[in-house]
Amino acid sequence: MDLSQKIQYLTLDIISTIGLGRSFDMLIEDHDVRDCIKNSEECLLIGIMFMAIGFGGLRQALFIGNSASPTPHGRRGHGRTLGMRYKWVDERWAKHEQENWNDMLALFIRHDMTRDEVRTKAIGQILAGNDTAASAFRGIFLYLMTNHWVCAKLRREVDEVVGGAGASG
């Protein structure tokens, strides 16, 4: 089992639930649902390569940037991922008056952001939050796995709270 990968699935599911009101279900499905991780990594790699060779500013050029950047209408790659997130935002936007949601998307809508601003925030919180949260969880698990006395203490505390209902096994 690749614990690092499972942690990334977990963090994306948590962040999408808190941020968008629905989970990507990666941990349950045990794979990169809709290739979200793969597409984001590919897009990031291309961006880094463009910056490394000095072409980072081309993205700002009207004709070149627009034709080279992913769009939410794309059928594959990061554009497909953008399209899925835009669709989720648009669905919520259409019925935000009827529902009493309690997540970040609802907060953005309630604070009179435009739909484009909400879309941008929805994408940003997933991209920014995933790596930082996953890195923090990975560091915690590494610490627990390499410090047996800390792990044993944590197990005792969990057993006390859960009542010994098999939490350690």
C-alpha atoms as a PDB file:
ATOM      1  CA  MET A   1       0.000   0.000   0.000  1.00  0.00           C
ATOM      2  CA  ASP A   2       1.266   3.445  -0.925  1.00  0.00           C
ATOM      3  CA  LEU A   3       0.360   5.479   2.162  1.00  0.00           C
ATOM      4  CA  SER A   4       1.537   8.696   0.534  1.00  0.00           C
ATOM      5  CA  GLN A   5      -0.967   8.232  -2.288  1.00  0.00           C
ATOM      6  CA  LYS A   6      -3.793   7.367   0.117  1.00  0.00           C
ATOM      7  CA  ILE A   7      -3.043  10.551   2.064  1.00  0.00           C
ATOM      8  CA  GLN A   8      -3.335  12.582  -1.137  1.00  0.00           C
ATOM      9  CA  TYR A   9      -6.699  10.933  -1.860  1.00  0.00           C
ATOM     10  CA  LEU A  10      -7.813  11.661   1.707  1.00  0.00           C
ATOM     11  CA  THR A  11      -6.802  15.318   1.595  1.00  0.00           C
ATOM     12  CA  LEU A  12      -8.485  15.888  -1.772  1.00  0.00           C
ATOM     13  CA  ASP A  13     -11.679  14.260  -0.473  1.00  0.00           C
ATOM     14  CA  ILE A  14     -11.626  16.366   2.694  1.00  0.00           C
ATOM     15  CA  ILE A  15     -10.827  19.615   0.887  1.00  0.00           C
ATOM     16  CA  SER A  16     -13.429  19.013  -1.825  1.00  0.00           C
ATOM     17  CA  THR A  17     -16.063  18.237   0.814  1.00  0.00           C
ATOM     18  CA  ILE A  18     -15.268  21.335   2.862  1.00  0.00           C
ATOM     19  CA  GLY A  19     -14.665  23.527  -0.165  1.00  0.00           C
ATOM     20  CA  LEU A  20     -17.211  22.330  -2.714  1.00  0.00           C
ATOM     21  CA  GLY A  21     -19.754  20.492  -0.605  1.00  0.00           C
ATOM     22  CA  ARG A  22     -19.049  17.141  -2.255  1.00  0.00           C
ATOM     23  CA  SER A  23     -16.243  14.649  -2.203  1.00  0.00           C
ATOM     24  CA  PHE A  24     -14.132  13.496  -5.123  1.00  0.00           C
ATOM     25  CA  ASP A  25     -14.476   9.974  -3.569  1.00  0.00           C
ATOM     26  CA  MET A  26     -10.855   9.119  -4.313  1.00  0.00           C
ATOM     27  CA  LEU A  27     -10.262   7.341  -1.024  1.00  0.00           C
ATOM     28  CA  ILE A  28     -13.393   5.212  -1.398  1.00  0.00           C
ATOM     29  CA  GLU A  29     -12.671   4.415  -5.061  1.00  0.00           C
ATOM     30  CA  ASP A  30      -8.945   4.002  -4.294  1.00  0.00           C
ATOM     31  CA  HIS A  31      -7.785   5.771  -7.445  1.00  0.00           C
ATOM     32  CA  ASP A  32      -7.406   9.173  -9.042  1.00  0.00           C
ATOM     33  CA  VAL A  33     -11.055   9.712  -9.941  1.00  0.00           C
ATOM     34  CA  ARG A  34     -11.424  11.681 -13.179  1.00  0.00           C
ATOM     35  CA  ASP A  35      -7.598  11.963 -13.348  1.00  0.00           C
ATOM     36  CA  CYS A  36      -7.672  15.121 -11.212  1.00  0.00           C
ATOM     37  CA  ILE A  37      -4.231  14.547  -9.690  1.00  0.00           C
ATOM     38  CA  LYS A  38      -2.638  13.462 -12.967  1.00  0.00           C
ATOM     39  CA  ASN A  39      -4.061  16.442 -14.855  1.00  0.00           C
ATOM     40  CA  SER A  40      -3.006  18.955 -12.189  1.00  0.00           C
ATOM     41  CA  GLU A  41       0.526  17.540 -12.053  1.00  0.00           C
ATOM     42  CA  GLU A  42       0.860  17.644 -15.853  1.00  0.00           C
ATOM     43  CA  CYS A  43      -0.369  21.231 -16.004  1.00  0.00           C
ATOM     44  CA  LEU A  44       2.000  22.258 -13.219  1.00  0.00           C
ATOM     45  CA  LEU A  45       4.929  20.536 -14.936  1.00  0.00           C
ATOM     46  CA  ILE A  46       4.233  22.329 -18.214  1.00  0.00           C
ATOM     47  CA  GLY A  47       4.010  25.666 -16.371  1.00  0.00           C
ATOM     48  CA  ILE A  48       7.304  25.038 -14.590  1.00  0.00           C
ATOM     49  CA  MET A  49       9.025  24.073 -17.851  1.00  0.00           C
ATOM     50  CA  PHE A  50       7.788  27.251 -19.557  1.00  0.00           C
ATOM     51  CA  MET A  51       9.079  29.362 -16.673  1.00  0.00           C
ATOM     52  CA  ALA A  52      12.413  27.510 -16.570  1.00  0.00           C
ATOM     53  CA  ILE A  53      13.157  28.263 -20.218  1.00  0.00           C
ATOM     54  CA  GLY A  54      12.057  31.870 -19.861  1.00  0.00           C
ATOM     55  CA  PHE A  55       8.677  31.619 -21.566  1.00  0.00           C
ATOM     56  CA  GLY A  56       6.574  32.112 -18.429  1.00  0.00           C
ATOM     57  CA  GLY A  57       5.455  35.553 -19.562  1.00  0.00           C
ATOM     58  CA  LEU A  58       3.958  34.169 -22.777  1.00  0.00           C
ATOM     59  CA  ARG A  59       0.919  33.014 -20.852  1.00  0.00           C
ATOM     60  CA  GLN A  60       0.069  36.672 -20.297  1.00  0.00           C
ATOM     61  CA  ALA A  61       0.177  37.428 -24.031  1.00  0.00           C
ATOM     62  CA  LEU A  62      -3.405  37.616 -25.254  1.00  0.00           C
ATOM     63  CA  PHE A  63      -3.299  35.269 -28.257  1.00  0.00           C
ATOM     64  CA  ILE A  64      -0.578  32.891 -27.144  1.00  0.00           C
ATOM     65  CA  GLY A  65      -1.733  32.606 -23.534  1.00  0.00           C
ATOM     66  CA  ASN A  66      -5.357  31.988 -24.378  1.00  0.00           C
ATOM     67  CA  SER A  67      -4.551  29.295 -26.940  1.00  0.00           C
ATOM     68  CA  ALA A  68      -1.992  27.534 -24.729  1.00  0.00           C
ATOM     69  CA  SER A  69      -3.961  27.585 -21.476  1.00  0.00           C
ATOM     70  CA  PRO A  70      -6.453  24.883 -20.505  1.00  0.00           C
ATOM     71  CA  THR A  71     -10.110  25.804 -20.814  1.00  0.00           C
ATOM     72  CA  PRO A  72     -13.075  24.354 -18.934  1.00  0.00           C
ATOM     73  CA  HIS A  73     -14.421  23.103 -22.269  1.00  0.00           C
ATOM     74  CA  GLY A  74     -11.522  20.698 -22.736  1.00  0.00           C
ATOM     75  CA  ARG A  75     -12.302  17.003 -23.108  1.00  0.00           C
ATOM     76  CA  ARG A  76      -9.070  15.840 -21.510  1.00  0.00           C
ATOM     77  CA  GLY A  77      -6.258  17.003 -19.313  1.00  0.00           C
ATOM     78  CA  HIS A  78      -6.497  19.915 -16.910  1.00  0.00           C
ATOM     79  CA  GLY A  79      -9.266  21.492 -19.007  1.00  0.00           C
ATOM     80  CA  ARG A  80     -11.502  18.522 -18.217  1.00  0.00           C
ATOM     81  CA  THR A  81     -10.739  18.932 -14.519  1.00  0.00           C
ATOM     82  CA  LEU A  82     -11.520  22.661 -14.721  1.00  0.00           C
ATOM     83  CA  GLY A  83     -14.775  21.868 -16.499  1.00  0.00           C
ATOM     84  CA  MET A  84     -15.822  19.447 -13.749  1.00  0.00           C
ATOM     85  CA  ARG A  85     -15.158  22.029 -11.028  1.00  0.00           C
ATOM     86  CA  TYR A  86     -16.898  24.777 -12.988  1.00  0.00           C
ATOM     87  CA  LYS A  87     -19.903  22.485 -13.413  1.00  0.00           C
ATOM     88  CA  TRP A  88     -20.042  21.843  -9.664  1.00  0.00           C
ATOM     89  CA  VAL A  89     -19.890  25.590  -8.967  1.00  0.00           C
ATOM     90  CA  ASP A  90     -22.533  26.338 -11.596  1.00  0.00           C
ATOM     91  CA  GLU A  91     -24.899  23.690 -10.172  1.00  0.00           C
ATOM     92  CA  ARG A  92     -24.575  25.188  -6.719  1.00  0.00           C
ATOM     93  CA  TRP A  93     -24.835  28.730  -8.059  1.00  0.00           C
ATOM     94  CA  ALA A  94     -28.160  27.906  -9.720  1.00  0.00           C
ATOM     95  CA  LYS A  95     -29.768  26.704  -6.485  1.00  0.00           C
ATOM     96  CA  HIS A  96     -27.897  28.650  -3.802  1.00  0.00           C
ATOM     97  CA  GLU A  97     -31.057  30.460  -2.691  1.00  0.00           C
ATOM     98  CA  GLN A  98     -32.939  27.184  -2.086  1.00  0.00           C
ATOM     99  CA  GLU A  99     -30.302  25.329  -0.122  1.00  0.00           C
ATOM    100  CA  ASN A 100     -28.736  25.869   3.277  1.00  0.00           C
ATOM    101  CA  TRP A 101     -25.193  24.689   2.556  1.00  0.00           C
ATOM    102  CA  ASN A 102     -22.422  24.941   5.103  1.00  0.00           C
ATOM    103  CA  ASP A 103     -19.175  24.884   3.136  1.00  0.00           C
ATOM    104  CA  MET A 104     -16.695  27.305   1.597  1.00  0.00           C
ATOM    105  CA  LEU A 105     -18.570  27.505  -1.693  1.00  0.00           C
ATOM    106  CA  ALA A 106     -21.707  28.650   0.134  1.00  0.00           C
ATOM    107  CA  LEU A 107     -19.638  31.191   2.055  1.00  0.00           C
ATOM    108  CA  PHE A 108     -18.230  32.637  -1.165  1.00  0.00           C
ATOM    109  CA  ILE A 109     -21.709  32.873  -2.694  1.00  0.00           C
ATOM    110  CA  ARG A 110     -23.225  34.449   0.423  1.00  0.00           C
ATOM    111  CA  HIS A 111     -20.535  37.123   0.384  1.00  0.00           C
ATOM    112  CA  ASP A 112     -21.700  38.379  -3.006  1.00  0.00           C
ATOM    113  CA  MET A 113     -18.819  37.115  -5.090  1.00  0.00           C
ATOM    114  CA  THR A 114     -19.441  36.818  -8.808  1.00  0.00           C
ATOM    115  CA  ARG A 115     -19.698  33.367 -10.346  1.00  0.00           C
ATOM    116  CA  ASP A 116     -16.252  33.786 -11.955  1.00  0.00           C
ATOM    117  CA  GLU A 117     -14.743  34.750  -8.585  1.00  0.00           C
ATOM    118  CA  VAL A 118     -16.351  31.702  -6.953  1.00  0.00           C
ATOM    119  CA  ARG A 119     -15.028  29.456  -9.735  1.00  0.00           C
ATOM    120  CA  THR A 120     -11.527  30.833  -9.245  1.00  0.00           C
ATOM    121  CA  LYS A 121     -11.713  30.374  -5.463  1.00  0.00           C
ATOM    122  CA  ALA A 122     -13.027  26.828  -5.854  1.00  0.00           C
ATOM    123  CA  ILE A 123     -10.084  25.859  -8.037  1.00  0.00           C
ATOM    124  CA  GLY A 124      -7.544  27.714  -5.912  1.00  0.00           C
ATOM    125  CA  GLN A 125      -8.559  26.119  -2.641  1.00  0.00           C
ATOM    126  CA  ILE A 126      -8.271  22.626  -4.133  1.00  0.00           C
ATOM    127  CA  LEU A 127      -4.886  23.263  -5.736  1.00  0.00           C
ATOM    128  CA  ALA A 128      -3.375  25.170  -2.821  1.00  0.00           C
ATOM    129  CA  GLY A 129      -4.866  23.141  -0.024  1.00  0.00           C
ATOM    130  CA  ASN A 130      -4.092  19.679  -1.328  1.00  0.00           C
ATOM    131  CA  ASP A 131      -0.295  19.791  -1.332  1.00  0.00           C
ATOM    132  CA  THR A 132       0.036  21.589   1.980  1.00  0.00           C
ATOM    133  CA  ALA A 133      -2.435  19.340   3.801  1.00  0.00           C
ATOM    134  CA  ALA A 134      -1.046  16.156   2.248  1.00  0.00           C
ATOM    135  CA  SER A 135       2.514  17.198   3.149  1.00  0.00           C
ATOM    136  CA  ALA A 136       1.465  17.878   6.750  1.00  0.00           C
ATOM    137  CA  PHE A 137      -0.273  14.495   7.054  1.00  0.00           C
ATOM    138  CA  ARG A 138       2.722  12.717   5.502  1.00  0.00           C
ATOM    139  CA  GLY A 139       5.030  14.400   8.017  1.00  0.00           C
ATOM    140  CA  ILE A 140       2.791  13.373  10.908  1.00  0.00           C
ATOM    141  CA  PHE A 141       2.644   9.754   9.742  1.00  0.00           C
ATOM    142  CA  LEU A 142       6.413   9.657   9.201  1.00  0.00           C
ATOM    143  CA  TYR A 143       6.941  10.965  12.715  1.00  0.00           C
ATOM    144  CA  LEU A 144       4.543   8.386  14.157  1.00  0.00           C
ATOM    145  CA  MET A 145       6.104   5.506  12.206  1.00  0.00           C
ATOM    146  CA  THR A 146       9.648   6.415  13.234  1.00  0.00           C
ATOM    147  CA  ASN A 147       8.899   7.146  16.910  1.00  0.00           C
ATOM    148  CA  HIS A 148       7.348   4.020  18.370  1.00  0.00           C
ATOM    149  CA  TRP A 149       6.818   5.466  21.838  1.00  0.00           C
ATOM    150  CA  VAL A 150       4.797   8.354  20.341  1.00  0.00           C
ATOM    151  CA  CYS A 151       2.758   5.894  18.281  1.00  0.00           C
ATOM    152  CA  ALA A 152       2.112   3.720  21.352  1.00  0.00           C
ATOM    153  CA  LYS A 153       0.982   6.764  23.352  1.00  0.00           C
ATOM    154  CA  LEU A 154      -1.368   7.805  20.540  1.00  0.00           C
ATOM    155  CA  ARG A 155      -2.846   4.288  20.419  1.00  0.00           C
ATOM    156  CA  ARG A 156      -3.451   4.361  24.175  1.00  0.00           C
ATOM    157  CA  GLU A 157      -5.205   7.726  23.902  1.00  0.00           C
ATOM    158  CA  VAL A 158      -7.358   6.524  21.012  1.00  0.00           C
ATOM    159  CA  ASP A 159      -8.247   3.362  22.952  1.00  0.00           C
ATOM    160  CA  GLU A 160      -9.252   5.455  25.966  1.00  0.00           C
ATOM    161  CA  VAL A 161     -11.504   7.683  23.886  1.00  0.00           C
ATOM    162  CA  VAL A 162     -12.974   4.889  21.762  1.00  0.00           C
ATOM    163  CA  GLY A 163     -13.221   2.601  24.776  1.00  0.00           C
ATOM    164  CA  GLY A 164     -11.013  -0.201  23.511  1.00  0.00           C
ATOM    165  CA  ALA A 165     -13.423  -1.032  20.699  1.00  0.00           C
ATOM    166  CA  GLY A 166     -10.672  -2.392  18.516  1.00  0.00           C
ATOM    167  CA  ALA A 167      -9.169   0.923  17.462  1.00  0.00           C
ATOM    168  CA  SER A 168      -5.613  -0.372  17.840  1.00  0.00           C
ATOM    169  CA  GLY A 169      -6.041  -3.432  15.641  1.00  0.00           C
END
